[in-house]
Amino acid sequence: MTQDPDTASTPAESLVAIALAGEGALSLCTLDPVSGCLAEVDRLVLPGATGRCRGVPMAANVDGTRLYLAWRGEAFGLYSIAVDASARRLTCLGTAALPASMCYLTLSADERHVLLSSNIGSVISVCPLDEAGRAGAPVLTQEAFKAHCIEPGPGGLTYATSLRGDFVQTYRGGGNEGLVPLSRIYMPAGSGPRHIRLSADGRRAYLLSEFQGLVTCLDVDAGTGALSVRQTLELLPGADTAKAAELRLGADEAYLYASERNTSQLFTYRLDASGGMQPLGPVKAPDCPTAFTLTAGGHHLVALGEQSGEAWTYRIGPDGRPEPINSARIGAVPSWAVAL
């Protein structure tokens, strides 16, 4: 993998946190903006993280000083981790017990709570954050059938996907007051709604459905938060099944990226002013790309090979397409990445 860098416009070095489910650890890496090389600068072994754990969901606060990670092994726990960017150091601030194996987590819009969803346990939970950014035990756990992803939206709305129920649920709330169901949109039977992303202005949502490999653009009603389908595309046209995994918007929301694990590919879509999607084609990804992340400026993408233990770095070109420029063996079962 070679490159011809434009040094006059080279972005700054980035930090990337990678959760290693097979090692019960969190790796902090620098990403060189020219070579795309990932170099580990710190590794935190998660205290008390025992048992087999396939996936480790993770999220960071806006300024990148706190990470939150849900362990899904023998004891379910929510880890709060401080990130010292200047010292390049990770510190565990504490662990809170969780009621189920959580497959996704994110922060509430006001960053006062961690929102978590459990596909296996069919629940969603809300954990408060103290002044130090440390997560406590859930103040709320409620039923949510096969909830795979939970995401906050503007105006006090929250959205949760149901992987086996084939719907997306809109809620009011997302803090101590609880989540009140408002509306529900059903997707094609057996499609498996997995991840949902909201545009910054809250007018559009993008949904990735795992089992049929569907990418759907949805309009969001400004008053009620209800969703309606604008456009649906197939990652793998004509394929009987798929195993779609991750979905992320580019830094300027001009492009949308998705990964698929059966074929180990990344897909890029150009978004027009109305949110419509134009496919730009796939590129090869590491074996079983369950997760990937984009750096803050949108210059690079880092994709994880859950089965190969690799991390591949891509440069995002002017046309939005990711170009592979480097790769590294990162550890056992890398399952989540967050660019800080």
C-alpha atoms as a PDB file:
ATOM      1  CA  MET A   1       0.000   0.000   0.000  1.00  0.00           C
ATOM      2  CA  THR A   2       1.658   3.202  -1.141  1.00  0.00           C
ATOM      3  CA  GLN A   3       0.797   6.860  -1.101  1.00  0.00           C
ATOM      4  CA  ASP A   4       1.971  10.232  -2.329  1.00  0.00           C
ATOM      5  CA  PRO A   5       1.134  12.601   0.535  1.00  0.00           C
ATOM      6  CA  ASP A   6       0.386  16.268   0.130  1.00  0.00           C
ATOM      7  CA  THR A   7       2.428  17.569   3.044  1.00  0.00           C
ATOM      8  CA  ALA A   8       1.009  21.075   2.726  1.00  0.00           C
ATOM      9  CA  SER A   9      -2.414  19.821   3.776  1.00  0.00           C
ATOM     10  CA  THR A  10      -1.402  16.992   6.103  1.00  0.00           C
ATOM     11  CA  PRO A  11      -3.811  16.697   9.074  1.00  0.00           C
ATOM     12  CA  ALA A  12      -2.611  16.381  12.638  1.00  0.00           C
ATOM     13  CA  GLU A  13      -1.855  13.049  14.291  1.00  0.00           C
ATOM     14  CA  SER A  14      -4.942  11.308  15.680  1.00  0.00           C
ATOM     15  CA  LEU A  15      -5.555   9.040  18.648  1.00  0.00           C
ATOM     16  CA  VAL A  16      -7.627   5.898  18.142  1.00  0.00           C
ATOM     17  CA  ALA A  17      -8.933   3.652  20.934  1.00  0.00           C
ATOM     18  CA  ILE A  18      -9.505  -0.003  20.004  1.00  0.00           C
ATOM     19  CA  ALA A  19     -11.368  -2.490  22.198  1.00  0.00           C
ATOM     20  CA  LEU A  20      -9.861  -5.985  22.164  1.00  0.00           C
ATOM     21  CA  ALA A  21     -12.587  -8.416  23.151  1.00  0.00           C
ATOM     22  CA  GLY A  22     -10.249 -11.395  22.982  1.00  0.00           C
ATOM     23  CA  GLU A  23      -7.824  -9.877  25.498  1.00  0.00           C
ATOM     24  CA  GLY A  24     -10.090  -7.960  27.868  1.00  0.00           C
ATOM     25  CA  ALA A  25      -8.100  -4.859  27.042  1.00  0.00           C
ATOM     26  CA  LEU A  26      -8.258  -1.405  25.492  1.00  0.00           C
ATOM     27  CA  SER A  27      -5.482  -0.270  23.152  1.00  0.00           C
ATOM     28  CA  LEU A  28      -4.658   3.420  22.628  1.00  0.00           C
ATOM     29  CA  CYS A  29      -2.898   4.100  19.325  1.00  0.00           C
ATOM     30  CA  THR A  30      -1.533   7.056  17.425  1.00  0.00           C
ATOM     31  CA  LEU A  31      -2.407   7.306  13.738  1.00  0.00           C
ATOM     32  CA  ASP A  32       0.267   8.872  11.579  1.00  0.00           C
ATOM     33  CA  PRO A  33      -1.510  11.109   9.036  1.00  0.00           C
ATOM     34  CA  VAL A  34       1.077  10.534   6.299  1.00  0.00           C
ATOM     35  CA  SER A  35       1.829   6.815   6.477  1.00  0.00           C
ATOM     36  CA  GLY A  36      -1.442   5.722   8.085  1.00  0.00           C
ATOM     37  CA  CYS A  37       0.603   3.719  10.585  1.00  0.00           C
ATOM     38  CA  LEU A  38      -1.110   2.782  13.855  1.00  0.00           C
ATOM     39  CA  ALA A  39       1.285   2.602  16.816  1.00  0.00           C
ATOM     40  CA  GLU A  40       0.152   1.495  20.260  1.00  0.00           C
ATOM     41  CA  VAL A  41       1.128   3.987  22.973  1.00  0.00           C
ATOM     42  CA  ASP A  42      -0.809   2.507  25.899  1.00  0.00           C
ATOM     43  CA  ARG A  43      -2.789  -0.605  26.770  1.00  0.00           C
ATOM     44  CA  LEU A  44      -5.252  -0.901  29.614  1.00  0.00           C
ATOM     45  CA  VAL A  45      -6.195  -4.370  30.843  1.00  0.00           C
ATOM     46  CA  LEU A  46      -9.772  -4.050  32.046  1.00  0.00           C
ATOM     47  CA  PRO A  47      -9.874  -4.957  35.758  1.00  0.00           C
ATOM     48  CA  GLY A  48     -12.229  -7.844  36.464  1.00  0.00           C
ATOM     49  CA  ALA A  49     -12.995  -8.484  32.782  1.00  0.00           C
ATOM     50  CA  THR A  50     -13.178 -12.270  32.610  1.00  0.00           C
ATOM     51  CA  GLY A  51     -14.877 -14.838  30.420  1.00  0.00           C
ATOM     52  CA  ARG A  52     -15.336 -15.074  26.683  1.00  0.00           C
ATOM     53  CA  CYS A  53     -16.502 -11.832  25.116  1.00  0.00           C
ATOM     54  CA  ARG A  54     -17.060 -11.433  21.382  1.00  0.00           C
ATOM     55  CA  GLY A  55     -17.993  -7.785  21.059  1.00  0.00           C
ATOM     56  CA  VAL A  56     -17.167  -4.791  23.217  1.00  0.00           C
ATOM     57  CA  PRO A  57     -19.231  -1.658  22.431  1.00  0.00           C
ATOM     58  CA  MET A  58     -17.607   1.654  23.232  1.00  0.00           C
ATOM     59  CA  ALA A  59     -18.238   5.409  22.969  1.00  0.00           C
ATOM     60  CA  ALA A  60     -16.438   8.637  23.844  1.00  0.00           C
ATOM     61  CA  ASN A  61     -17.646  12.019  25.042  1.00  0.00           C
ATOM     62  CA  VAL A  62     -17.415  14.960  22.645  1.00  0.00           C
ATOM     63  CA  ASP A  63     -14.032  16.255  23.847  1.00  0.00           C
ATOM     64  CA  GLY A  64     -12.500  12.767  23.879  1.00  0.00           C
ATOM     65  CA  THR A  65     -11.480  12.815  27.541  1.00  0.00           C
ATOM     66  CA  ARG A  66     -13.747   9.942  28.605  1.00  0.00           C
ATOM     67  CA  LEU A  67     -14.437   6.517  27.115  1.00  0.00           C
ATOM     68  CA  TYR A  68     -17.225   4.152  28.124  1.00  0.00           C
ATOM     69  CA  LEU A  69     -17.033   0.434  27.386  1.00  0.00           C
ATOM     70  CA  ALA A  70     -19.461  -2.416  28.092  1.00  0.00           C
ATOM     71  CA  TRP A  71     -17.885  -5.786  28.936  1.00  0.00           C
ATOM     72  CA  ARG A  72     -20.022  -8.778  27.948  1.00  0.00           C
ATOM     73  CA  GLY A  73     -18.081 -11.680  29.502  1.00  0.00           C
ATOM     74  CA  GLU A  74     -18.816 -13.473  32.774  1.00  0.00           C
ATOM     75  CA  ALA A  75     -19.740 -10.283  34.640  1.00  0.00           C
ATOM     76  CA  PHE A  76     -21.524  -7.553  32.679  1.00  0.00           C
ATOM     77  CA  GLY A  77     -19.922  -4.201  33.461  1.00  0.00           C
ATOM     78  CA  LEU A  78     -19.735  -0.605  32.248  1.00  0.00           C
ATOM     79  CA  TYR A  79     -16.194   0.768  32.420  1.00  0.00           C
ATOM     80  CA  SER A  80     -15.452   4.486  32.690  1.00  0.00           C
ATOM     81  CA  ILE A  81     -12.013   5.358  31.329  1.00  0.00           C
ATOM     82  CA  ALA A  82     -10.120   8.667  31.432  1.00  0.00           C
ATOM     83  CA  VAL A  83      -8.079   9.586  28.361  1.00  0.00           C
ATOM     84  CA  ASP A  84      -5.042  11.842  28.834  1.00  0.00           C
ATOM     85  CA  ALA A  85      -4.230  12.811  25.260  1.00  0.00           C
ATOM     86  CA  SER A  86      -1.038  14.701  26.092  1.00  0.00           C
ATOM     87  CA  ALA A  87       0.391  11.865  28.205  1.00  0.00           C
ATOM     88  CA  ARG A  88      -1.166   9.245  25.923  1.00  0.00           C
ATOM     89  CA  ARG A  89      -2.473   7.383  28.911  1.00  0.00           C
ATOM     90  CA  LEU A  90      -5.658   5.439  29.757  1.00  0.00           C
ATOM     91  CA  THR A  91      -6.923   5.213  33.347  1.00  0.00           C
ATOM     92  CA  CYS A  92      -9.889   3.184  34.586  1.00  0.00           C
ATOM     93  CA  LEU A  93     -12.115   5.358  36.779  1.00  0.00           C
ATOM     94  CA  GLY A  94     -14.483   2.606  37.842  1.00  0.00           C
ATOM     95  CA  THR A  95     -16.928  -0.094  36.831  1.00  0.00           C
ATOM     96  CA  ALA A  96     -20.707  -0.268  37.215  1.00  0.00           C
ATOM     97  CA  ALA A  97     -22.639  -3.545  37.099  1.00  0.00           C
ATOM     98  CA  LEU A  98     -25.049  -3.990  34.188  1.00  0.00           C
ATOM     99  CA  PRO A  99     -28.233  -6.084  34.084  1.00  0.00           C
ATOM    100  CA  ALA A 100     -27.574  -7.691  30.683  1.00  0.00           C
ATOM    101  CA  SER A 101     -25.049  -8.204  27.896  1.00  0.00           C
ATOM    102  CA  MET A 102     -25.048  -4.823  26.164  1.00  0.00           C
ATOM    103  CA  CYS A 103     -24.241  -4.804  22.444  1.00  0.00           C
ATOM    104  CA  TYR A 104     -24.323  -1.016  21.971  1.00  0.00           C
ATOM    105  CA  LEU A 105     -23.834   2.138  23.987  1.00  0.00           C
ATOM    106  CA  THR A 106     -23.694   5.875  23.421  1.00  0.00           C
ATOM    107  CA  LEU A 107     -23.986   9.094  25.392  1.00  0.00           C
ATOM    108  CA  SER A 108     -27.166  11.098  25.783  1.00  0.00           C
ATOM    109  CA  ALA A 109     -27.320  14.403  23.930  1.00  0.00           C
ATOM    110  CA  ASP A 110     -26.483  16.353  27.109  1.00  0.00           C
ATOM    111  CA  GLU A 111     -23.684  13.901  28.029  1.00  0.00           C
ATOM    112  CA  ARG A 112     -25.186  13.323  31.473  1.00  0.00           C
ATOM    113  CA  HIS A 113     -26.052   9.645  30.874  1.00  0.00           C
ATOM    114  CA  VAL A 114     -24.837   6.559  29.062  1.00  0.00           C
ATOM    115  CA  LEU A 115     -27.533   4.826  27.006  1.00  0.00           C
ATOM    116  CA  LEU A 116     -27.155   1.073  26.441  1.00  0.00           C
ATOM    117  CA  SER A 117     -29.063  -1.588  24.513  1.00  0.00           C
ATOM    118  CA  SER A 118     -29.113  -5.369  24.762  1.00  0.00           C
ATOM    119  CA  ASN A 119     -30.186  -7.609  21.898  1.00  0.00           C
ATOM    120  CA  ILE A 120     -29.825 -10.783  23.998  1.00  0.00           C
ATOM    121  CA  GLY A 121     -31.525  -9.315  27.070  1.00  0.00           C
ATOM    122  CA  SER A 122     -34.174  -7.303  25.163  1.00  0.00           C
ATOM    123  CA  VAL A 123     -33.655  -4.250  27.384  1.00  0.00           C
ATOM    124  CA  ILE A 124     -32.346  -0.722  27.250  1.00  0.00           C
ATOM    125  CA  SER A 125     -30.649   0.896  30.237  1.00  0.00           C
ATOM    126  CA  VAL A 126     -29.673   4.419  31.280  1.00  0.00           C
ATOM    127  CA  CYS A 127     -26.648   5.032  33.539  1.00  0.00           C
ATOM    128  CA  PRO A 128     -25.943   8.457  35.105  1.00  0.00           C
ATOM    129  CA  LEU A 129     -22.558  10.191  34.931  1.00  0.00           C
ATOM    130  CA  ASP A 130     -21.134  12.020  37.946  1.00  0.00           C
ATOM    131  CA  GLU A 131     -19.111  15.255  37.828  1.00  0.00           C
ATOM    132  CA  ALA A 132     -15.915  13.297  37.172  1.00  0.00           C
ATOM    133  CA  GLY A 133     -17.490  11.581  34.176  1.00  0.00           C
ATOM    134  CA  ARG A 134     -17.786   8.255  36.006  1.00  0.00           C
ATOM    135  CA  ALA A 135     -20.786   6.079  35.116  1.00  0.00           C
ATOM    136  CA  GLY A 136     -22.976   4.683  37.885  1.00  0.00           C
ATOM    137  CA  ALA A 137     -25.352   1.738  38.010  1.00  0.00           C
ATOM    138  CA  PRO A 138     -28.458   2.019  35.816  1.00  0.00           C
ATOM    139  CA  VAL A 139     -31.197   4.325  37.070  1.00  0.00           C
ATOM    140  CA  LEU A 140     -33.502   2.880  34.439  1.00  0.00           C
ATOM    141  CA  THR A 141     -33.833  -0.488  32.701  1.00  0.00           C
ATOM    142  CA  GLN A 142     -36.869  -1.206  30.571  1.00  0.00           C
ATOM    143  CA  GLU A 143     -37.971  -3.818  28.069  1.00  0.00           C
ATOM    144  CA  ALA A 144     -37.087  -3.231  24.422  1.00  0.00           C
ATOM    145  CA  PHE A 145     -37.452  -6.285  22.212  1.00  0.00           C
ATOM    146  CA  LYS A 146     -34.087  -7.338  20.702  1.00  0.00           C
ATOM    147  CA  ALA A 147     -32.744  -3.772  20.966  1.00  0.00           C
ATOM    148  CA  HIS A 148     -29.460  -3.675  19.070  1.00  0.00           C
ATOM    149  CA  CYS A 149     -28.688   0.030  18.867  1.00  0.00           C
ATOM    150  CA  ILE A 150     -29.790   3.164  20.711  1.00  0.00           C
ATOM    151  CA  GLU A 151     -29.089   6.708  19.529  1.00  0.00           C
ATOM    152  CA  PRO A 152     -30.155  10.142  20.812  1.00  0.00           C
ATOM    153  CA  GLY A 153     -31.707  12.658  18.464  1.00  0.00           C
ATOM    154  CA  PRO A 154     -32.460  16.372  18.783  1.00  0.00           C
ATOM    155  CA  GLY A 155     -35.413  17.687  20.752  1.00  0.00           C
ATOM    156  CA  GLY A 156     -35.225  15.084  23.497  1.00  0.00           C
ATOM    157  CA  LEU A 157     -35.842  12.127  21.182  1.00  0.00           C
ATOM    158  CA  THR A 158     -34.155   8.720  21.278  1.00  0.00           C
ATOM    159  CA  TYR A 159     -34.203   5.938  18.678  1.00  0.00           C
ATOM    160  CA  ALA A 160     -33.697   2.187  19.184  1.00  0.00           C
ATOM    161  CA  THR A 161     -33.455  -0.550  16.556  1.00  0.00           C
ATOM    162  CA  SER A 162     -34.947  -4.027  17.020  1.00  0.00           C
ATOM    163  CA  LEU A 163     -32.770  -6.613  15.270  1.00  0.00           C
ATOM    164  CA  ARG A 164     -35.353  -9.414  15.393  1.00  0.00           C
ATOM    165  CA  GLY A 165     -38.489  -7.290  15.587  1.00  0.00           C
ATOM    166  CA  ASP A 166     -37.677  -5.511  12.292  1.00  0.00           C
ATOM    167  CA  PHE A 167     -38.613  -2.072  13.572  1.00  0.00           C
ATOM    168  CA  VAL A 168     -37.174   1.210  14.810  1.00  0.00           C
ATOM    169  CA  GLN A 169     -38.781   2.683  17.927  1.00  0.00           C
ATOM    170  CA  THR A 170     -38.917   6.430  18.609  1.00  0.00           C
ATOM    171  CA  TYR A 171     -38.916   7.489  22.269  1.00  0.00           C
ATOM    172  CA  ARG A 172     -39.257  10.724  24.174  1.00  0.00           C
ATOM    173  CA  GLY A 173     -36.586  11.132  26.863  1.00  0.00           C
ATOM    174  CA  GLY A 174     -33.321   9.388  27.605  1.00  0.00           C
ATOM    175  CA  GLY A 175     -32.425  10.350  31.172  1.00  0.00           C
ATOM    176  CA  ASN A 176     -33.694   9.655  34.684  1.00  0.00           C
ATOM    177  CA  GLU A 177     -37.260  10.329  33.573  1.00  0.00           C
ATOM    178  CA  GLY A 178     -37.345   7.193  31.414  1.00  0.00           C
ATOM    179  CA  LEU A 179     -38.063   6.516  27.762  1.00  0.00           C
ATOM    180  CA  VAL A 180     -41.644   7.010  26.569  1.00  0.00           C
ATOM    181  CA  PRO A 181     -42.568   5.211  23.300  1.00  0.00           C
ATOM    182  CA  LEU A 182     -43.890   7.614  20.672  1.00  0.00           C
ATOM    183  CA  SER A 183     -43.937   5.870  17.301  1.00  0.00           C
ATOM    184  CA  ARG A 184     -42.599   2.828  15.490  1.00  0.00           C
ATOM    185  CA  ILE A 185     -41.678   2.124  11.878  1.00  0.00           C
ATOM    186  CA  TYR A 186     -41.470  -1.433  10.573  1.00  0.00           C
ATOM    187  CA  MET A 187     -38.830  -2.444   8.066  1.00  0.00           C
ATOM    188  CA  PRO A 188     -38.958  -5.461   5.673  1.00  0.00           C
ATOM    189  CA  ALA A 189     -39.555  -8.766   7.429  1.00  0.00           C
ATOM    190  CA  GLY A 190     -36.312 -10.504   8.302  1.00  0.00           C
ATOM    191  CA  SER A 191     -34.171  -7.487   7.399  1.00  0.00           C
ATOM    192  CA  GLY A 192     -32.705  -7.043  10.907  1.00  0.00           C
ATOM    193  CA  PRO A 193     -32.405  -3.297  11.688  1.00  0.00           C
ATOM    194  CA  ARG A 194     -28.966  -3.030  13.334  1.00  0.00           C
ATOM    195  CA  HIS A 195     -27.458   0.480  13.466  1.00  0.00           C
ATOM    196  CA  ILE A 196     -29.025   3.898  13.017  1.00  0.00           C
ATOM    197  CA  ARG A 197     -27.323   7.289  12.553  1.00  0.00           C
ATOM    198  CA  LEU A 198     -28.939  10.717  12.781  1.00  0.00           C
ATOM    199  CA  SER A 199     -27.805  13.724  10.767  1.00  0.00           C
ATOM    200  CA  ALA A 200     -26.585  16.693  12.824  1.00  0.00           C
ATOM    201  CA  ASP A 201     -29.718  18.705  12.096  1.00  0.00           C
ATOM    202  CA  GLY A 202     -31.981  15.765  12.957  1.00  0.00           C
ATOM    203  CA  ARG A 203     -33.817  15.886   9.627  1.00  0.00           C
ATOM    204  CA  ARG A 204     -32.489  12.567   8.295  1.00  0.00           C
ATOM    205  CA  ALA A 205     -31.690   9.155   9.712  1.00  0.00           C
ATOM    206  CA  TYR A 206     -29.736   6.337   8.085  1.00  0.00           C
ATOM    207  CA  LEU A 207     -30.417   2.720   8.963  1.00  0.00           C
ATOM    208  CA  LEU A 208     -28.331  -0.385   8.311  1.00  0.00           C
ATOM    209  CA  SER A 209     -30.211  -3.698   8.312  1.00  0.00           C
ATOM    210  CA  GLU A 210     -27.959  -6.674   8.984  1.00  0.00           C
ATOM    211  CA  PHE A 211     -29.566  -9.767   7.465  1.00  0.00           C
ATOM    212  CA  GLN A 212     -30.622  -8.299   4.101  1.00  0.00           C
ATOM    213  CA  GLY A 213     -27.790  -5.784   3.828  1.00  0.00           C
ATOM    214  CA  LEU A 214     -30.101  -2.797   3.401  1.00  0.00           C
ATOM    215  CA  VAL A 215     -29.106   0.858   3.747  1.00  0.00           C
ATOM    216  CA  THR A 216     -32.136   3.083   4.245  1.00  0.00           C
ATOM    217  CA  CYS A 217     -32.478   6.859   4.286  1.00  0.00           C
ATOM    218  CA  LEU A 218     -35.359   8.020   6.500  1.00  0.00           C
ATOM    219  CA  ASP A 219     -36.993  11.402   6.892  1.00  0.00           C
ATOM    220  CA  VAL A 220     -37.552  12.550  10.472  1.00  0.00           C
ATOM    221  CA  ASP A 221     -40.727  14.462  11.295  1.00  0.00           C
ATOM    222  CA  ALA A 222     -39.647  17.726  12.935  1.00  0.00           C
ATOM    223  CA  GLY A 223     -42.553  17.701  15.369  1.00  0.00           C
ATOM    224  CA  THR A 224     -43.008  14.084  16.398  1.00  0.00           C
ATOM    225  CA  GLY A 225     -39.696  12.458  15.493  1.00  0.00           C
ATOM    226  CA  ALA A 226     -41.563   9.811  13.476  1.00  0.00           C
ATOM    227  CA  LEU A 227     -39.576   8.154  10.699  1.00  0.00           C
ATOM    228  CA  SER A 228     -40.571   7.565   7.083  1.00  0.00           C
ATOM    229  CA  VAL A 229     -38.611   5.833   4.335  1.00  0.00           C
ATOM    230  CA  ARG A 230     -37.114   7.993   1.597  1.00  0.00           C
ATOM    231  CA  GLN A 231     -34.784   5.508  -0.117  1.00  0.00           C
ATOM    232  CA  THR A 232     -33.466   1.962   0.359  1.00  0.00           C
ATOM    233  CA  LEU A 233     -30.428   0.393  -1.333  1.00  0.00           C
ATOM    234  CA  GLU A 234     -28.854  -3.069  -1.119  1.00  0.00           C
ATOM    235  CA  LEU A 235     -25.205  -3.496  -0.155  1.00  0.00           C
ATOM    236  CA  LEU A 236     -25.106  -6.754  -2.136  1.00  0.00           C
ATOM    237  CA  PRO A 237     -27.735  -6.609  -4.905  1.00  0.00           C
ATOM    238  CA  GLY A 238     -29.107 -10.064  -5.638  1.00  0.00           C
ATOM    239  CA  ALA A 239     -27.556 -11.742  -2.591  1.00  0.00           C
ATOM    240  CA  ASP A 240     -29.827 -13.993  -0.529  1.00  0.00           C
ATOM    241  CA  THR A 241     -28.276 -13.009   2.794  1.00  0.00           C
ATOM    242  CA  ALA A 242     -25.860 -10.494   4.229  1.00  0.00           C
ATOM    243  CA  LYS A 243     -24.078  -9.750   7.465  1.00  0.00           C
ATOM    244  CA  ALA A 244     -23.954  -5.967   7.566  1.00  0.00           C
ATOM    245  CA  ALA A 245     -22.197  -4.520  10.612  1.00  0.00           C
ATOM    246  CA  GLU A 246     -21.247  -0.855  11.010  1.00  0.00           C
ATOM    247  CA  LEU A 247     -22.648   2.420   9.674  1.00  0.00           C
ATOM    248  CA  ARG A 248     -21.095   5.880   9.996  1.00  0.00           C
ATOM    249  CA  LEU A 249     -21.547   9.335   8.512  1.00  0.00           C
ATOM    250  CA  GLY A 250     -18.526  11.194   7.174  1.00  0.00           C
ATOM    251  CA  ALA A 251     -17.275  14.304   8.954  1.00  0.00           C
ATOM    252  CA  ASP A 252     -19.202  16.734   6.735  1.00  0.00           C
ATOM    253  CA  GLU A 253     -22.143  14.334   6.216  1.00  0.00           C
ATOM    254  CA  ALA A 254     -21.493  14.322   2.473  1.00  0.00           C
ATOM    255  CA  TYR A 255     -20.763  10.592   2.549  1.00  0.00           C
ATOM    256  CA  LEU A 256     -22.060   7.500   4.325  1.00  0.00           C
ATOM    257  CA  TYR A 257     -19.981   4.374   5.027  1.00  0.00           C
ATOM    258  CA  ALA A 258     -21.072   0.809   5.809  1.00  0.00           C
ATOM    259  CA  SER A 259     -19.329  -2.533   6.367  1.00  0.00           C
ATOM    260  CA  GLU A 260     -20.357  -6.074   5.473  1.00  0.00           C
ATOM    261  CA  ARG A 261     -18.792  -9.166   7.081  1.00  0.00           C
ATOM    262  CA  ASN A 262     -19.631 -12.014   4.667  1.00  0.00           C
ATOM    263  CA  THR A 263     -17.643 -10.341   1.870  1.00  0.00           C
ATOM    264  CA  SER A 264     -15.322  -8.255   4.119  1.00  0.00           C
ATOM    265  CA  GLN A 265     -15.988  -5.012   2.290  1.00  0.00           C
ATOM    266  CA  LEU A 266     -16.569  -1.318   3.006  1.00  0.00           C
ATOM    267  CA  PHE A 267     -19.210   0.570   1.033  1.00  0.00           C
ATOM    268  CA  THR A 268     -19.372   4.302   0.308  1.00  0.00           C
ATOM    269  CA  TYR A 269     -22.437   6.389  -0.573  1.00  0.00           C
ATOM    270  CA  ARG A 270     -22.502  10.013  -1.689  1.00  0.00           C
ATOM    271  CA  LEU A 271     -25.341  11.952  -0.053  1.00  0.00           C
ATOM    272  CA  ASP A 272     -27.171  14.704  -1.920  1.00  0.00           C
ATOM    273  CA  ALA A 273     -28.854  17.770  -0.426  1.00  0.00           C
ATOM    274  CA  SER A 274     -32.057  15.837   0.259  1.00  0.00           C
ATOM    275  CA  GLY A 275     -30.215  12.963   1.914  1.00  0.00           C
ATOM    276  CA  GLY A 276     -30.484  10.679  -1.103  1.00  0.00           C
ATOM    277  CA  MET A 277     -27.759   8.040  -1.472  1.00  0.00           C
ATOM    278  CA  GLN A 278     -25.607   7.341  -4.526  1.00  0.00           C
ATOM    279  CA  PRO A 279     -23.446   4.188  -4.287  1.00  0.00           C
ATOM    280  CA  LEU A 280     -19.757   4.695  -5.094  1.00  0.00           C
ATOM    281  CA  GLY A 281     -18.776   1.037  -4.827  1.00  0.00           C
ATOM    282  CA  PRO A 282     -16.982  -1.204  -2.305  1.00  0.00           C
ATOM    283  CA  VAL A 283     -13.361  -1.576  -1.244  1.00  0.00           C
ATOM    284  CA  LYS A 284     -11.723  -4.548   0.435  1.00  0.00           C
ATOM    285  CA  ALA A 285     -11.641  -4.593   4.246  1.00  0.00           C
ATOM    286  CA  PRO A 286      -9.895  -6.784   6.836  1.00  0.00           C
ATOM    287  CA  ASP A 287     -11.478 -10.162   7.577  1.00  0.00           C
ATOM    288  CA  CYS A 288     -14.901  -9.662   9.224  1.00  0.00           C
ATOM    289  CA  PRO A 289     -15.017  -5.835   9.561  1.00  0.00           C
ATOM    290  CA  THR A 290     -17.401  -5.619  12.498  1.00  0.00           C
ATOM    291  CA  ALA A 291     -16.387  -2.054  13.350  1.00  0.00           C
ATOM    292  CA  PHE A 292     -14.683   0.992  11.902  1.00  0.00           C
ATOM    293  CA  THR A 293     -14.226   4.633  12.837  1.00  0.00           C
ATOM    294  CA  LEU A 294     -13.481   7.922  11.075  1.00  0.00           C
ATOM    295  CA  THR A 295     -11.044  10.500  12.412  1.00  0.00           C
ATOM    296  CA  ALA A 296     -12.504  13.816  13.544  1.00  0.00           C
ATOM    297  CA  GLY A 297     -11.485  15.702  10.408  1.00  0.00           C
ATOM    298  CA  GLY A 298     -12.735  12.908   8.182  1.00  0.00           C
ATOM    299  CA  HIS A 299      -9.308  12.370   6.571  1.00  0.00           C
ATOM    300  CA  HIS A 300      -8.870   8.720   7.608  1.00  0.00           C
ATOM    301  CA  LEU A 301     -10.918   5.609   8.293  1.00  0.00           C
ATOM    302  CA  VAL A 302      -9.729   2.732  10.500  1.00  0.00           C
ATOM    303  CA  ALA A 303     -11.434  -0.650   9.992  1.00  0.00           C
ATOM    304  CA  LEU A 304     -11.052  -3.650  12.295  1.00  0.00           C
ATOM    305  CA  GLY A 305     -10.853  -7.282  11.231  1.00  0.00           C
ATOM    306  CA  GLU A 306     -12.554  -9.141  14.057  1.00  0.00           C
ATOM    307  CA  GLN A 307     -11.341 -12.523  12.800  1.00  0.00           C
ATOM    308  CA  SER A 308      -7.910 -11.486  11.490  1.00  0.00           C
ATOM    309  CA  GLY A 309      -6.932  -9.290  14.456  1.00  0.00           C
ATOM    310  CA  GLU A 310      -5.912  -6.523  12.072  1.00  0.00           C
ATOM    311  CA  ALA A 311      -6.591  -2.816  11.758  1.00  0.00           C
ATOM    312  CA  TRP A 312      -6.480  -1.312   8.258  1.00  0.00           C
ATOM    313  CA  THR A 313      -6.043   2.415   7.729  1.00  0.00           C
ATOM    314  CA  TYR A 314      -7.593   4.187   4.746  1.00  0.00           C
ATOM    315  CA  ARG A 315      -7.169   7.707   3.450  1.00  0.00           C
ATOM    316  CA  ILE A 316     -10.463   9.341   2.442  1.00  0.00           C
ATOM    317  CA  GLY A 317     -10.050  10.781  -1.045  1.00  0.00           C
ATOM    318  CA  PRO A 318     -11.617  13.983  -2.432  1.00  0.00           C
ATOM    319  CA  ASP A 319     -14.421  11.846  -3.880  1.00  0.00           C
ATOM    320  CA  GLY A 320     -15.166  10.305  -0.468  1.00  0.00           C
ATOM    321  CA  ARG A 321     -13.790   6.892  -1.343  1.00  0.00           C
ATOM    322  CA  PRO A 322     -11.494   5.207   1.212  1.00  0.00           C
ATOM    323  CA  GLU A 323      -8.073   4.146  -0.112  1.00  0.00           C
ATOM    324  CA  PRO A 324      -6.141   1.539   1.941  1.00  0.00           C
ATOM    325  CA  ILE A 325      -2.700   2.847   2.907  1.00  0.00           C
ATOM    326  CA  ASN A 326      -1.532   0.744   5.864  1.00  0.00           C
ATOM    327  CA  SER A 327      -2.340  -2.251   8.042  1.00  0.00           C
ATOM    328  CA  ALA A 328      -1.227  -3.623  11.402  1.00  0.00           C
ATOM    329  CA  ARG A 329      -1.802  -6.611  13.645  1.00  0.00           C
ATOM    330  CA  ILE A 330      -3.574  -5.011  16.613  1.00  0.00           C
ATOM    331  CA  GLY A 331      -4.646  -7.857  18.912  1.00  0.00           C
ATOM    332  CA  ALA A 332      -7.205 -10.611  19.523  1.00  0.00           C
ATOM    333  CA  VAL A 333     -10.792  -9.948  18.422  1.00  0.00           C
ATOM    334  CA  PRO A 334     -10.719  -6.163  17.853  1.00  0.00           C
ATOM    335  CA  SER A 335     -14.403  -5.299  18.037  1.00  0.00           C
ATOM    336  CA  TRP A 336     -14.819  -1.524  18.395  1.00  0.00           C
ATOM    337  CA  ALA A 337     -12.851   1.590  17.462  1.00  0.00           C
ATOM    338  CA  VAL A 338     -13.262   5.223  18.472  1.00  0.00           C
ATOM    339  CA  ALA A 339     -11.202   8.082  17.039  1.00  0.00           C
ATOM    340  CA  LEU A 340     -10.470  10.727  19.689  1.00  0.00           C
END
